[in-house]
């Protein structure tokens, strides 16, 4: 019976690695400008799945050390679990599409779902490396083992966060305020035709008095590949409407000659700086076709 009781050393490995892995997941959950996940239910769901992921990573090393190879196969269950997390996120966001002022779009939803799946791998990898470090250090002082494992886990978290951090529109394009002009029933921004749907005098007056517009200008020619993608423009429009609200009307239009993108709306909060910031922070979607220079990641911070 005693052989089946877990040893103190292995218990320390499992507990420490689980805590560090769960902490890694907690550090990657933030209610940012996109307001997702929402507090508190979204937090709870992702913390629990992060805890499970950390636990799976933590028990792998003790299982190998005790030659319990069957237990290691439970790591395979993590893959299916994380895929289910992605599927649940995708279904949840799609169910909410009709309630939003502007659609997120399938490309943006897919990117968000993949992000939450990947962050569970963060917890798994961090807890596994923490456990491995404690086993390799194997000092007679427990505090040294725990400290070494924790520091290694946090370093690994930093590296994989930098590696997985994507670009935003502010990295590949300049975003500036656009000048709104209404000519009869046609709407123009910086001379770019946007819409001819302003059929009433009330609509025209509303846009002239309360409308806001931003123009997205690609910094290099090849960045137009990403900006021309419909899903990318839809994501930017969604973030714009979520940031300042929509009182009436919202449009996005592509200018074909220089690749400029126009986003304009009649907001609830008339704050052009907030609108510009929201558009700049819109993620560049992984699903868009783009050059390698857009995909390049700086592990040690932005240039």
C-alpha atoms as a PDB file:
ATOM      1  CA  UNK A   1       0.000   0.000   0.000  1.00  0.00           C
ATOM      2  CA  UNK A   2       2.810   2.408   0.818  1.00  0.00           C
ATOM      3  CA  UNK A   3       4.190   2.127  -2.731  1.00  0.00           C
ATOM      4  CA  UNK A   4       0.980   3.661  -4.062  1.00  0.00           C
ATOM      5  CA  UNK A   5       1.265   6.732  -1.859  1.00  0.00           C
ATOM      6  CA  UNK A   6       2.709   9.742  -3.662  1.00  0.00           C
ATOM      7  CA  UNK A   7       6.066  10.876  -2.304  1.00  0.00           C
ATOM      8  CA  UNK A   8       6.626  14.289  -0.740  1.00  0.00           C
ATOM      9  CA  UNK A   9       9.064  15.284  -3.491  1.00  0.00           C
ATOM     10  CA  UNK A  10       6.574  14.481  -6.221  1.00  0.00           C
ATOM     11  CA  UNK A  11       3.811  16.244  -4.320  1.00  0.00           C
ATOM     12  CA  UNK A  12       5.927  19.403  -4.157  1.00  0.00           C
ATOM     13  CA  UNK A  13       6.567  19.182  -7.913  1.00  0.00           C
ATOM     14  CA  UNK A  14       2.890  18.748  -8.726  1.00  0.00           C
ATOM     15  CA  UNK A  15       1.616  21.486  -6.409  1.00  0.00           C
ATOM     16  CA  UNK A  16       4.278  24.038  -7.420  1.00  0.00           C
ATOM     17  CA  UNK A  17       3.930  23.369 -11.145  1.00  0.00           C
ATOM     18  CA  UNK A  18       0.133  23.510 -10.964  1.00  0.00           C
ATOM     19  CA  UNK A  19       0.184  26.839  -9.120  1.00  0.00           C
ATOM     20  CA  UNK A  20       2.713  28.392 -11.517  1.00  0.00           C
ATOM     21  CA  UNK A  21       0.851  27.076 -14.574  1.00  0.00           C
ATOM     22  CA  UNK A  22      -2.491  28.378 -13.293  1.00  0.00           C
ATOM     23  CA  UNK A  23      -0.870  31.710 -12.493  1.00  0.00           C
ATOM     24  CA  UNK A  24       0.433  31.839 -16.055  1.00  0.00           C
ATOM     25  CA  UNK A  25      -3.119  31.420 -17.349  1.00  0.00           C
ATOM     26  CA  UNK A  26      -4.392  34.068 -14.940  1.00  0.00           C
ATOM     27  CA  UNK A  27      -1.752  36.543 -16.145  1.00  0.00           C
ATOM     28  CA  UNK A  28      -2.881  36.075 -19.747  1.00  0.00           C
ATOM     29  CA  UNK A  29      -6.531  36.776 -18.922  1.00  0.00           C
ATOM     30  CA  UNK A  30      -7.263  40.466 -19.077  1.00  0.00           C
ATOM     31  CA  UNK A  31     -10.377  42.495 -19.684  1.00  0.00           C
ATOM     32  CA  UNK A  32      -8.831  44.756 -22.284  1.00  0.00           C
ATOM     33  CA  UNK A  33     -10.242  47.448 -24.566  1.00  0.00           C
ATOM     34  CA  UNK A  34     -12.176  44.719 -26.404  1.00  0.00           C
ATOM     35  CA  UNK A  35     -14.012  43.817 -23.184  1.00  0.00           C
ATOM     36  CA  UNK A  36     -13.556  40.096 -23.659  1.00  0.00           C
ATOM     37  CA  UNK A  37     -13.676  37.857 -21.715  1.00  0.00           C
ATOM     38  CA  UNK A  38     -16.340  39.513 -19.626  1.00  0.00           C
ATOM     39  CA  UNK A  39     -16.160  39.547 -15.852  1.00  0.00           C
ATOM     40  CA  UNK A  40     -16.758  37.341 -13.926  1.00  0.00           C
ATOM     41  CA  UNK A  41     -18.105  34.289 -15.771  1.00  0.00           C
ATOM     42  CA  UNK A  42     -15.630  34.456 -18.632  1.00  0.00           C
ATOM     43  CA  UNK A  43     -12.775  34.720 -16.133  1.00  0.00           C
ATOM     44  CA  UNK A  44     -14.009  31.721 -14.168  1.00  0.00           C
ATOM     45  CA  UNK A  45     -14.333  29.491 -17.231  1.00  0.00           C
ATOM     46  CA  UNK A  46     -10.834  30.242 -18.460  1.00  0.00           C
ATOM     47  CA  UNK A  47      -9.241  30.007 -15.022  1.00  0.00           C
ATOM     48  CA  UNK A  48     -10.751  26.566 -14.474  1.00  0.00           C
ATOM     49  CA  UNK A  49      -9.630  25.257 -17.864  1.00  0.00           C
ATOM     50  CA  UNK A  50      -6.217  26.803 -17.208  1.00  0.00           C
ATOM     51  CA  UNK A  51      -6.024  24.988 -13.881  1.00  0.00           C
ATOM     52  CA  UNK A  52      -6.843  21.685 -15.560  1.00  0.00           C
ATOM     53  CA  UNK A  53      -4.198  22.335 -18.237  1.00  0.00           C
ATOM     54  CA  UNK A  54      -1.610  23.196 -15.581  1.00  0.00           C
ATOM     55  CA  UNK A  55      -2.464  20.045 -13.645  1.00  0.00           C
ATOM     56  CA  UNK A  56      -1.936  17.874 -16.714  1.00  0.00           C
ATOM     57  CA  UNK A  57       1.460  19.432 -17.330  1.00  0.00           C
ATOM     58  CA  UNK A  58       2.438  19.132 -13.662  1.00  0.00           C
ATOM     59  CA  UNK A  59       1.776  15.387 -13.306  1.00  0.00           C
ATOM     60  CA  UNK A  60       3.694  14.423 -16.454  1.00  0.00           C
ATOM     61  CA  UNK A  61       7.170  14.471 -14.863  1.00  0.00           C
ATOM     62  CA  UNK A  62       6.227  12.554 -11.659  1.00  0.00           C
ATOM     63  CA  UNK A  63       4.393  10.023 -13.845  1.00  0.00           C
ATOM     64  CA  UNK A  64       7.492   9.472 -15.962  1.00  0.00           C
ATOM     65  CA  UNK A  65       9.744   9.231 -12.915  1.00  0.00           C
ATOM     66  CA  UNK A  66       7.544   6.514 -11.426  1.00  0.00           C
ATOM     67  CA  UNK A  67       7.343   4.738 -14.826  1.00  0.00           C
ATOM     68  CA  UNK A  68       3.598   5.298 -14.890  1.00  0.00           C
ATOM     69  CA  UNK A  69       3.515   5.744 -18.648  1.00  0.00           C
ATOM     70  CA  UNK A  70      -0.229   5.221 -18.806  1.00  0.00           C
ATOM     71  CA  UNK A  71      -0.747   8.435 -16.809  1.00  0.00           C
ATOM     72  CA  UNK A  72       1.268  10.402 -19.362  1.00  0.00           C
ATOM     73  CA  UNK A  73      -1.251   9.481 -22.059  1.00  0.00           C
ATOM     74  CA  UNK A  74      -3.692  11.783 -20.289  1.00  0.00           C
ATOM     75  CA  UNK A  75      -1.805  14.614 -22.008  1.00  0.00           C
ATOM     76  CA  UNK A  76      -3.552  13.496 -25.171  1.00  0.00           C
ATOM     77  CA  UNK A  77      -6.850  14.352 -23.502  1.00  0.00           C
ATOM     78  CA  UNK A  78      -5.636  17.925 -23.108  1.00  0.00           C
ATOM     79  CA  UNK A  79      -5.570  18.367 -26.884  1.00  0.00           C
ATOM     80  CA  UNK A  80      -9.232  17.410 -27.179  1.00  0.00           C
ATOM     81  CA  UNK A  81     -10.146  19.530 -24.160  1.00  0.00           C
ATOM     82  CA  UNK A  82      -8.481  22.612 -25.616  1.00  0.00           C
ATOM     83  CA  UNK A  83     -10.158  22.052 -28.965  1.00  0.00           C
ATOM     84  CA  UNK A  84     -13.467  21.952 -27.146  1.00  0.00           C
ATOM     85  CA  UNK A  85     -12.582  25.287 -25.534  1.00  0.00           C
ATOM     86  CA  UNK A  86     -11.988  26.769 -28.976  1.00  0.00           C
ATOM     87  CA  UNK A  87     -15.246  25.289 -30.283  1.00  0.00           C
ATOM     88  CA  UNK A  88     -17.229  26.632 -27.307  1.00  0.00           C
ATOM     89  CA  UNK A  89     -15.744  30.121 -27.705  1.00  0.00           C
ATOM     90  CA  UNK A  90     -16.506  30.160 -31.403  1.00  0.00           C
ATOM     91  CA  UNK A  91     -20.105  29.044 -30.907  1.00  0.00           C
ATOM     92  CA  UNK A  92     -20.651  31.554 -28.095  1.00  0.00           C
ATOM     93  CA  UNK A  93     -19.344  34.505 -30.125  1.00  0.00           C
ATOM     94  CA  UNK A  94     -21.330  33.500 -33.203  1.00  0.00           C
ATOM     95  CA  UNK A  95     -24.493  33.336 -31.113  1.00  0.00           C
ATOM     96  CA  UNK A  96     -23.874  36.964 -30.089  1.00  0.00           C
ATOM     97  CA  UNK A  97     -23.296  38.285 -33.620  1.00  0.00           C
ATOM     98  CA  UNK A  98     -26.854  39.474 -34.161  1.00  0.00           C
ATOM     99  CA  UNK A  99     -26.805  41.465 -30.916  1.00  0.00           C
ATOM    100  CA  UNK A 100     -23.809  43.626 -31.856  1.00  0.00           C
ATOM    101  CA  UNK A 101     -23.842  47.008 -33.587  1.00  0.00           C
ATOM    102  CA  UNK A 102     -21.459  45.566 -36.185  1.00  0.00           C
ATOM    103  CA  UNK A 103     -20.493  41.968 -36.863  1.00  0.00           C
ATOM    104  CA  UNK A 104     -17.164  40.677 -35.615  1.00  0.00           C
ATOM    105  CA  UNK A 105     -17.000  38.464 -38.673  1.00  0.00           C
ATOM    106  CA  UNK A 106     -16.001  34.808 -38.972  1.00  0.00           C
ATOM    107  CA  UNK A 107     -12.290  35.590 -39.372  1.00  0.00           C
ATOM    108  CA  UNK A 108     -12.151  37.614 -36.137  1.00  0.00           C
ATOM    109  CA  UNK A 109     -14.169  35.031 -34.199  1.00  0.00           C
ATOM    110  CA  UNK A 110     -11.854  32.270 -35.388  1.00  0.00           C
ATOM    111  CA  UNK A 111      -8.834  34.281 -34.244  1.00  0.00           C
ATOM    112  CA  UNK A 112     -10.291  34.919 -30.782  1.00  0.00           C
ATOM    113  CA  UNK A 113     -11.191  31.235 -30.349  1.00  0.00           C
ATOM    114  CA  UNK A 114      -7.692  30.129 -31.379  1.00  0.00           C
ATOM    115  CA  UNK A 115      -6.162  32.605 -28.938  1.00  0.00           C
ATOM    116  CA  UNK A 116      -8.051  31.146 -25.990  1.00  0.00           C
ATOM    117  CA  UNK A 117      -7.116  27.632 -27.043  1.00  0.00           C
ATOM    118  CA  UNK A 118      -3.451  28.612 -27.295  1.00  0.00           C
ATOM    119  CA  UNK A 119      -3.441  30.237 -23.851  1.00  0.00           C
ATOM    120  CA  UNK A 120      -4.376  26.915 -22.295  1.00  0.00           C
ATOM    121  CA  UNK A 121      -1.238  25.510 -23.889  1.00  0.00           C
ATOM    122  CA  UNK A 122       0.599  28.311 -22.086  1.00  0.00           C
ATOM    123  CA  UNK A 123      -0.514  26.837 -18.765  1.00  0.00           C
ATOM    124  CA  UNK A 124       0.435  23.313 -19.870  1.00  0.00           C
ATOM    125  CA  UNK A 125       3.910  24.276 -21.120  1.00  0.00           C
ATOM    126  CA  UNK A 126       4.725  26.503 -18.138  1.00  0.00           C
ATOM    127  CA  UNK A 127       3.654  23.875 -15.584  1.00  0.00           C
ATOM    128  CA  UNK A 128       5.581  21.156 -17.438  1.00  0.00           C
ATOM    129  CA  UNK A 129       8.817  23.191 -17.571  1.00  0.00           C
ATOM    130  CA  UNK A 130       8.387  24.162 -13.917  1.00  0.00           C
ATOM    131  CA  UNK A 131       8.058  20.514 -12.920  1.00  0.00           C
ATOM    132  CA  UNK A 132      10.994  19.515 -15.131  1.00  0.00           C
ATOM    133  CA  UNK A 133      13.221  22.217 -13.635  1.00  0.00           C
ATOM    134  CA  UNK A 134      12.424  21.159 -10.069  1.00  0.00           C
ATOM    135  CA  UNK A 135      13.242  17.561 -10.968  1.00  0.00           C
ATOM    136  CA  UNK A 136      16.528  18.492 -12.653  1.00  0.00           C
ATOM    137  CA  UNK A 137      17.696  20.847  -9.868  1.00  0.00           C
ATOM    138  CA  UNK A 138      16.855  18.238  -7.246  1.00  0.00           C
ATOM    139  CA  UNK A 139      18.427  20.189  -4.368  1.00  0.00           C
ATOM    140  CA  UNK A 140      18.077  19.003  -0.795  1.00  0.00           C
ATOM    141  CA  UNK A 141      16.636  22.432  -0.035  1.00  0.00           C
ATOM    142  CA  UNK A 142      12.967  22.549  -1.026  1.00  0.00           C
ATOM    143  CA  UNK A 143      12.962  26.344  -1.294  1.00  0.00           C
ATOM    144  CA  UNK A 144      15.725  26.264  -3.935  1.00  0.00           C
ATOM    145  CA  UNK A 145      13.790  23.712  -5.991  1.00  0.00           C
ATOM    146  CA  UNK A 146      10.565  25.696  -5.799  1.00  0.00           C
ATOM    147  CA  UNK A 147      12.268  29.001  -6.582  1.00  0.00           C
ATOM    148  CA  UNK A 148      14.169  27.543  -9.543  1.00  0.00           C
ATOM    149  CA  UNK A 149      11.038  25.993 -10.998  1.00  0.00           C
ATOM    150  CA  UNK A 150       9.002  29.175 -10.539  1.00  0.00           C
ATOM    151  CA  UNK A 151      11.624  31.420 -12.142  1.00  0.00           C
ATOM    152  CA  UNK A 152      12.010  29.054 -15.099  1.00  0.00           C
ATOM    153  CA  UNK A 153       8.247  28.858 -15.542  1.00  0.00           C
ATOM    154  CA  UNK A 154       7.898  32.649 -15.592  1.00  0.00           C
ATOM    155  CA  UNK A 155      10.756  32.995 -18.099  1.00  0.00           C
ATOM    156  CA  UNK A 156       9.092  30.428 -20.370  1.00  0.00           C
ATOM    157  CA  UNK A 157       5.794  32.316 -20.040  1.00  0.00           C
ATOM    158  CA  UNK A 158       7.458  35.561 -21.099  1.00  0.00           C
ATOM    159  CA  UNK A 159       9.095  33.934 -24.128  1.00  0.00           C
ATOM    160  CA  UNK A 160       5.971  32.187 -25.415  1.00  0.00           C
ATOM    161  CA  UNK A 161       3.873  35.316 -24.834  1.00  0.00           C
ATOM    162  CA  UNK A 162       6.304  37.343 -26.940  1.00  0.00           C
ATOM    163  CA  UNK A 163       6.406  34.596 -29.577  1.00  0.00           C
ATOM    164  CA  UNK A 164       2.623  34.355 -29.828  1.00  0.00           C
ATOM    165  CA  UNK A 165       1.972  38.103 -29.688  1.00  0.00           C
ATOM    166  CA  UNK A 166       0.571  39.210 -33.021  1.00  0.00           C
ATOM    167  CA  UNK A 167       0.612  42.531 -34.794  1.00  0.00           C
ATOM    168  CA  UNK A 168      -2.057  45.205 -34.605  1.00  0.00           C
ATOM    169  CA  UNK A 169      -3.234  47.622 -37.279  1.00  0.00           C
ATOM    170  CA  UNK A 170      -1.188  50.335 -35.581  1.00  0.00           C
ATOM    171  CA  UNK A 171       1.965  48.339 -36.426  1.00  0.00           C
ATOM    172  CA  UNK A 172       1.321  48.211 -40.167  1.00  0.00           C
ATOM    173  CA  UNK A 173      -0.721  51.349 -40.843  1.00  0.00           C
ATOM    174  CA  UNK A 174      -1.200  54.953 -39.799  1.00  0.00           C
ATOM    175  CA  UNK A 175      -4.653  55.855 -38.491  1.00  0.00           C
ATOM    176  CA  UNK A 176      -5.768  59.469 -38.668  1.00  0.00           C
ATOM    177  CA  UNK A 177      -8.982  61.437 -38.381  1.00  0.00           C
ATOM    178  CA  UNK A 178     -10.895  61.828 -41.618  1.00  0.00           C
ATOM    179  CA  UNK A 179     -12.847  64.863 -42.810  1.00  0.00           C
ATOM    180  CA  UNK A 180     -16.539  64.133 -43.376  1.00  0.00           C
ATOM    181  CA  UNK A 181     -18.282  65.742 -46.302  1.00  0.00           C
ATOM    182  CA  UNK A 182     -21.885  65.243 -47.424  1.00  0.00           C
ATOM    183  CA  UNK A 183     -22.801  66.044 -51.041  1.00  0.00           C
ATOM    184  CA  UNK A 184     -26.563  65.749 -51.411  1.00  0.00           C
ATOM    185  CA  UNK A 185     -27.189  62.098 -50.413  1.00  0.00           C
ATOM    186  CA  UNK A 186     -23.566  60.959 -50.842  1.00  0.00           C
ATOM    187  CA  UNK A 187     -21.057  60.621 -48.022  1.00  0.00           C
ATOM    188  CA  UNK A 188     -17.348  61.302 -48.561  1.00  0.00           C
ATOM    189  CA  UNK A 189     -14.396  61.086 -46.178  1.00  0.00           C
ATOM    190  CA  UNK A 190     -11.197  62.881 -47.237  1.00  0.00           C
ATOM    191  CA  UNK A 191     -12.619  62.939 -50.763  1.00  0.00           C
ATOM    192  CA  UNK A 192     -13.173  59.146 -50.761  1.00  0.00           C
ATOM    193  CA  UNK A 193     -16.687  58.055 -51.669  1.00  0.00           C
ATOM    194  CA  UNK A 194     -18.215  56.028 -48.829  1.00  0.00           C
ATOM    195  CA  UNK A 195     -21.980  55.715 -49.327  1.00  0.00           C
ATOM    196  CA  UNK A 196     -24.989  57.124 -51.147  1.00  0.00           C
ATOM    197  CA  UNK A 197     -27.442  55.928 -48.506  1.00  0.00           C
ATOM    198  CA  UNK A 198     -27.880  59.303 -46.788  1.00  0.00           C
ATOM    199  CA  UNK A 199     -31.200  59.863 -48.503  1.00  0.00           C
ATOM    200  CA  UNK A 200     -32.749  62.238 -45.952  1.00  0.00           C
ATOM    201  CA  UNK A 201     -31.774  65.698 -44.824  1.00  0.00           C
ATOM    202  CA  UNK A 202     -31.840  64.516 -41.223  1.00  0.00           C
ATOM    203  CA  UNK A 203     -29.265  61.808 -41.966  1.00  0.00           C
ATOM    204  CA  UNK A 204     -27.002  64.262 -43.758  1.00  0.00           C
ATOM    205  CA  UNK A 205     -27.204  66.797 -40.924  1.00  0.00           C
ATOM    206  CA  UNK A 206     -26.551  64.096 -38.329  1.00  0.00           C
ATOM    207  CA  UNK A 207     -23.380  62.960 -40.076  1.00  0.00           C
ATOM    208  CA  UNK A 208     -22.112  66.509 -40.563  1.00  0.00           C
ATOM    209  CA  UNK A 209     -22.727  67.515 -36.939  1.00  0.00           C
ATOM    210  CA  UNK A 210     -22.021  64.305 -35.018  1.00  0.00           C
ATOM    211  CA  UNK A 211     -20.189  61.952 -37.385  1.00  0.00           C
ATOM    212  CA  UNK A 212     -16.658  60.663 -36.833  1.00  0.00           C
ATOM    213  CA  UNK A 213     -14.342  59.135 -39.385  1.00  0.00           C
ATOM    214  CA  UNK A 214     -10.861  57.622 -39.458  1.00  0.00           C
ATOM    215  CA  UNK A 215      -8.673  56.765 -42.414  1.00  0.00           C
ATOM    216  CA  UNK A 216      -6.312  53.772 -42.255  1.00  0.00           C
ATOM    217  CA  UNK A 217      -3.237  54.279 -44.460  1.00  0.00           C
ATOM    218  CA  UNK A 218      -0.873  51.309 -45.051  1.00  0.00           C
ATOM    219  CA  UNK A 219       2.748  52.166 -44.273  1.00  0.00           C
ATOM    220  CA  UNK A 220       4.078  49.919 -47.023  1.00  0.00           C
ATOM    221  CA  UNK A 221       2.587  48.645 -50.253  1.00  0.00           C
ATOM    222  CA  UNK A 222       2.549  44.968 -49.214  1.00  0.00           C
ATOM    223  CA  UNK A 223       0.584  45.794 -46.053  1.00  0.00           C
ATOM    224  CA  UNK A 224      -2.381  46.443 -48.336  1.00  0.00           C
ATOM    225  CA  UNK A 225      -2.753  42.660 -48.625  1.00  0.00           C
ATOM    226  CA  UNK A 226      -3.843  42.484 -44.993  1.00  0.00           C
ATOM    227  CA  UNK A 227      -5.896  45.687 -45.017  1.00  0.00           C
ATOM    228  CA  UNK A 228      -7.786  44.706 -48.176  1.00  0.00           C
ATOM    229  CA  UNK A 229      -9.042  41.531 -46.501  1.00  0.00           C
ATOM    230  CA  UNK A 230     -12.760  41.866 -45.785  1.00  0.00           C
ATOM    231  CA  UNK A 231     -12.498  40.072 -42.452  1.00  0.00           C
ATOM    232  CA  UNK A 232      -9.789  42.492 -41.313  1.00  0.00           C
ATOM    233  CA  UNK A 233     -11.871  45.536 -42.216  1.00  0.00           C
ATOM    234  CA  UNK A 234     -14.891  44.009 -40.489  1.00  0.00           C
ATOM    235  CA  UNK A 235     -12.835  43.464 -37.320  1.00  0.00           C
ATOM    236  CA  UNK A 236     -11.687  47.101 -37.360  1.00  0.00           C
ATOM    237  CA  UNK A 237     -15.259  48.311 -37.816  1.00  0.00           C
ATOM    238  CA  UNK A 238     -16.408  46.116 -34.930  1.00  0.00           C
ATOM    239  CA  UNK A 239     -13.763  47.513 -32.578  1.00  0.00           C
ATOM    240  CA  UNK A 240     -14.662  51.044 -33.639  1.00  0.00           C
ATOM    241  CA  UNK A 241     -18.348  50.550 -32.863  1.00  0.00           C
ATOM    242  CA  UNK A 242     -17.589  48.869 -29.537  1.00  0.00           C
ATOM    243  CA  UNK A 243     -15.264  51.699 -28.486  1.00  0.00           C
ATOM    244  CA  UNK A 244     -17.543  54.695 -29.092  1.00  0.00           C
ATOM    245  CA  UNK A 245     -20.948  53.092 -29.649  1.00  0.00           C
ATOM    246  CA  UNK A 246     -23.282  53.668 -32.580  1.00  0.00           C
ATOM    247  CA  UNK A 247     -26.120  56.173 -32.495  1.00  0.00           C
ATOM    248  CA  UNK A 248     -26.898  55.709 -36.184  1.00  0.00           C
ATOM    249  CA  UNK A 249     -25.124  54.436 -39.283  1.00  0.00           C
ATOM    250  CA  UNK A 250     -21.693  52.884 -39.651  1.00  0.00           C
ATOM    251  CA  UNK A 251     -19.742  52.330 -42.854  1.00  0.00           C
ATOM    252  CA  UNK A 252     -16.402  51.014 -44.021  1.00  0.00           C
ATOM    253  CA  UNK A 253     -15.033  51.583 -47.495  1.00  0.00           C
ATOM    254  CA  UNK A 254     -11.850  50.635 -49.336  1.00  0.00           C
ATOM    255  CA  UNK A 255     -10.067  53.119 -51.594  1.00  0.00           C
ATOM    256  CA  UNK A 256      -8.478  51.114 -54.397  1.00  0.00           C
ATOM    257  CA  UNK A 257      -5.796  53.484 -55.675  1.00  0.00           C
ATOM    258  CA  UNK A 258      -3.659  53.861 -52.536  1.00  0.00           C
ATOM    259  CA  UNK A 259      -5.231  51.155 -50.366  1.00  0.00           C
ATOM    260  CA  UNK A 260      -6.728  53.503 -47.791  1.00  0.00           C
ATOM    261  CA  UNK A 261      -9.524  52.152 -45.580  1.00  0.00           C
ATOM    262  CA  UNK A 262     -12.268  54.453 -44.287  1.00  0.00           C
ATOM    263  CA  UNK A 263     -14.340  53.793 -41.167  1.00  0.00           C
ATOM    264  CA  UNK A 264     -17.080  56.266 -40.350  1.00  0.00           C
ATOM    265  CA  UNK A 265     -20.083  56.300 -38.035  1.00  0.00           C
ATOM    266  CA  UNK A 266     -22.363  58.464 -35.925  1.00  0.00           C
ATOM    267  CA  UNK A 267     -21.166  57.556 -32.412  1.00  0.00           C
ATOM    268  CA  UNK A 268     -22.756  57.720 -28.990  1.00  0.00           C
ATOM    269  CA  UNK A 269     -19.493  59.034 -27.515  1.00  0.00           C
ATOM    270  CA  UNK A 270     -17.949  61.650 -29.799  1.00  0.00           C
ATOM    271  CA  UNK A 271     -14.290  61.005 -29.000  1.00  0.00           C
ATOM    272  CA  UNK A 272     -12.103  60.715 -32.083  1.00  0.00           C
ATOM    273  CA  UNK A 273      -8.984  59.847 -30.073  1.00  0.00           C
ATOM    274  CA  UNK A 274     -10.740  56.859 -28.546  1.00  0.00           C
ATOM    275  CA  UNK A 275     -11.894  55.788 -31.990  1.00  0.00           C
ATOM    276  CA  UNK A 276      -8.387  56.051 -33.431  1.00  0.00           C
ATOM    277  CA  UNK A 277      -6.921  54.075 -30.524  1.00  0.00           C
ATOM    278  CA  UNK A 278      -9.495  51.289 -30.912  1.00  0.00           C
ATOM    279  CA  UNK A 279      -8.743  50.936 -34.618  1.00  0.00           C
ATOM    280  CA  UNK A 280      -4.981  50.966 -34.000  1.00  0.00           C
ATOM    281  CA  UNK A 281      -5.290  48.160 -31.441  1.00  0.00           C
ATOM    282  CA  UNK A 282      -7.362  45.918 -33.696  1.00  0.00           C
ATOM    283  CA  UNK A 283      -5.368  42.686 -34.113  1.00  0.00           C
ATOM    284  CA  UNK A 284      -4.046  41.743 -37.531  1.00  0.00           C
ATOM    285  CA  UNK A 285      -5.932  38.506 -38.128  1.00  0.00           C
ATOM    286  CA  UNK A 286      -3.928  35.323 -38.599  1.00  0.00           C
ATOM    287  CA  UNK A 287      -6.273  34.163 -41.333  1.00  0.00           C
ATOM    288  CA  UNK A 288      -5.562  37.055 -43.692  1.00  0.00           C
ATOM    289  CA  UNK A 289      -3.105  36.563 -46.503  1.00  0.00           C
ATOM    290  CA  UNK A 290      -0.100  38.677 -45.717  1.00  0.00           C
ATOM    291  CA  UNK A 291       3.636  38.890 -46.159  1.00  0.00           C
ATOM    292  CA  UNK A 292       6.219  37.426 -43.806  1.00  0.00           C
ATOM    293  CA  UNK A 293       7.127  40.903 -42.580  1.00  0.00           C
ATOM    294  CA  UNK A 294       3.660  41.217 -41.058  1.00  0.00           C
ATOM    295  CA  UNK A 295       4.084  37.877 -39.294  1.00  0.00           C
ATOM    296  CA  UNK A 296       7.527  38.641 -37.856  1.00  0.00           C
ATOM    297  CA  UNK A 297       7.510  38.567 -34.072  1.00  0.00           C
ATOM    298  CA  UNK A 298       9.947  40.377 -31.824  1.00  0.00           C
ATOM    299  CA  UNK A 299      10.563  38.145 -28.799  1.00  0.00           C
ATOM    300  CA  UNK A 300      12.164  40.901 -26.763  1.00  0.00           C
ATOM    301  CA  UNK A 301       9.600  43.659 -27.268  1.00  0.00           C
ATOM    302  CA  UNK A 302       8.475  45.993 -29.982  1.00  0.00           C
ATOM    303  CA  UNK A 303      10.986  48.028 -31.894  1.00  0.00           C
END
